[in-house]
C-alpha atoms as a PDB file:
ATOM      1  CA  MET A   1      72.547 207.650 158.794  1.00  0.00           C
ATOM      2  CA  LYS A   2      72.217 204.823 161.748  1.00  0.00           C
ATOM      3  CA  GLU A   3      68.583 204.848 161.354  1.00  0.00           C
ATOM      4  CA  ASN A   4      68.616 204.625 157.449  1.00  0.00           C
ATOM      5  CA  ARG A   5      71.226 201.359 157.964  1.00  0.00           C
ATOM      6  CA  ARG A   6      68.661 199.601 159.925  1.00  0.00           C
ATOM      7  CA  LYS A   7      66.145 200.145 157.257  1.00  0.00           C
ATOM      8  CA  TRP A   8      67.967 199.581 154.380  1.00  0.00           C
ATOM      9  CA  GLY A   9      71.258 197.569 155.153  1.00  0.00           C
ATOM     10  CA  LYS A  10      74.754 198.507 154.182  1.00  0.00           C
ATOM     11  CA  ASN A  11      74.190 196.871 150.824  1.00  0.00           C
ATOM     12  CA  ALA A  12      71.344 199.354 149.873  1.00  0.00           C
ATOM     13  CA  LEU A  13      73.202 202.157 151.313  1.00  0.00           C
ATOM     14  CA  GLN A  14      76.402 201.510 149.153  1.00  0.00           C
ATOM     15  CA  ALA A  15      74.647 201.106 145.907  1.00  0.00           C
ATOM     16  CA  GLU A  16      73.157 204.716 146.628  1.00  0.00           C
ATOM     17  CA  GLY A  17      76.231 206.162 147.539  1.00  0.00           C
ATOM     18  CA  ARG A  18      77.800 204.852 144.521  1.00  0.00           C
ATOM     19  CA  ARG A  19      75.138 206.193 142.340  1.00  0.00           C
ATOM     20  CA  PHE A  20      75.299 209.633 144.192  1.00  0.00           C
ATOM     21  CA  GLU A  21      79.137 209.879 143.570  1.00  0.00           C
ATOM     22  CA  SER A  22      78.817 208.861 139.982  1.00  0.00           C
ATOM     23  CA  VAL A  23      76.363 211.309 139.556  1.00  0.00           C
ATOM     24  CA  ASN A  24      78.594 214.060 141.332  1.00  0.00           C
ATOM     25  CA  ALA A  25      80.999 213.442 138.780  1.00  0.00           C
ATOM     26  CA  HIS A  26      79.260 214.077 135.737  1.00  0.00           C
ATOM     27  CA  GLY A  27      77.580 217.619 136.827  1.00  0.00           C
ATOM     28  CA  LYS A  28      75.209 219.809 139.124  1.00  0.00           C
ATOM     29  CA  GLU A  29      72.096 218.936 136.710  1.00  0.00           C
ATOM     30  CA  ARG A  30      71.947 215.418 137.405  1.00  0.00           C
ATOM     31  CA  GLN A  31      73.032 215.682 140.908  1.00  0.00           C
ATOM     32  CA  SER A  32      69.884 218.166 141.650  1.00  0.00           C
ATOM     33  CA  LYS A  33      67.702 214.998 140.132  1.00  0.00           C
ATOM     34  CA  VAL A  34      69.338 212.472 142.280  1.00  0.00           C
ATOM     35  CA  LYS A  35      68.736 214.630 145.609  1.00  0.00           C
ATOM     36  CA  ILE A  36      65.067 214.513 144.763  1.00  0.00           C
ATOM     37  CA  LEU A  37      65.029 210.973 144.052  1.00  0.00           C
ATOM     38  CA  THR A  38      66.732 209.915 147.008  1.00  0.00           C
ATOM     39  CA  LYS A  39      64.745 212.083 149.226  1.00  0.00           C
ATOM     40  CA  ASN A  40      61.689 210.481 148.182  1.00  0.00           C
ATOM     41  CA  ARG A  41      63.144 207.258 148.756  1.00  0.00           C
ATOM     42  CA  LYS A  42      64.107 208.520 152.079  1.00  0.00           C
ATOM     43  CA  VAL A  43      67.680 206.942 151.796  1.00  0.00           C
ATOM     44  CA  PHE A  44      69.687 210.053 152.713  1.00  0.00           C
END
């Protein structure tokens, strides 16, 4: 996570984190999609 913070900044990570948490609340199907998207963006 430290390396990603240098590249993206705190605001970007917080935005992704909120998106990820909200998806977790909605269900596993969306959660899997978000994991794929975040891997492509190299945020997580």
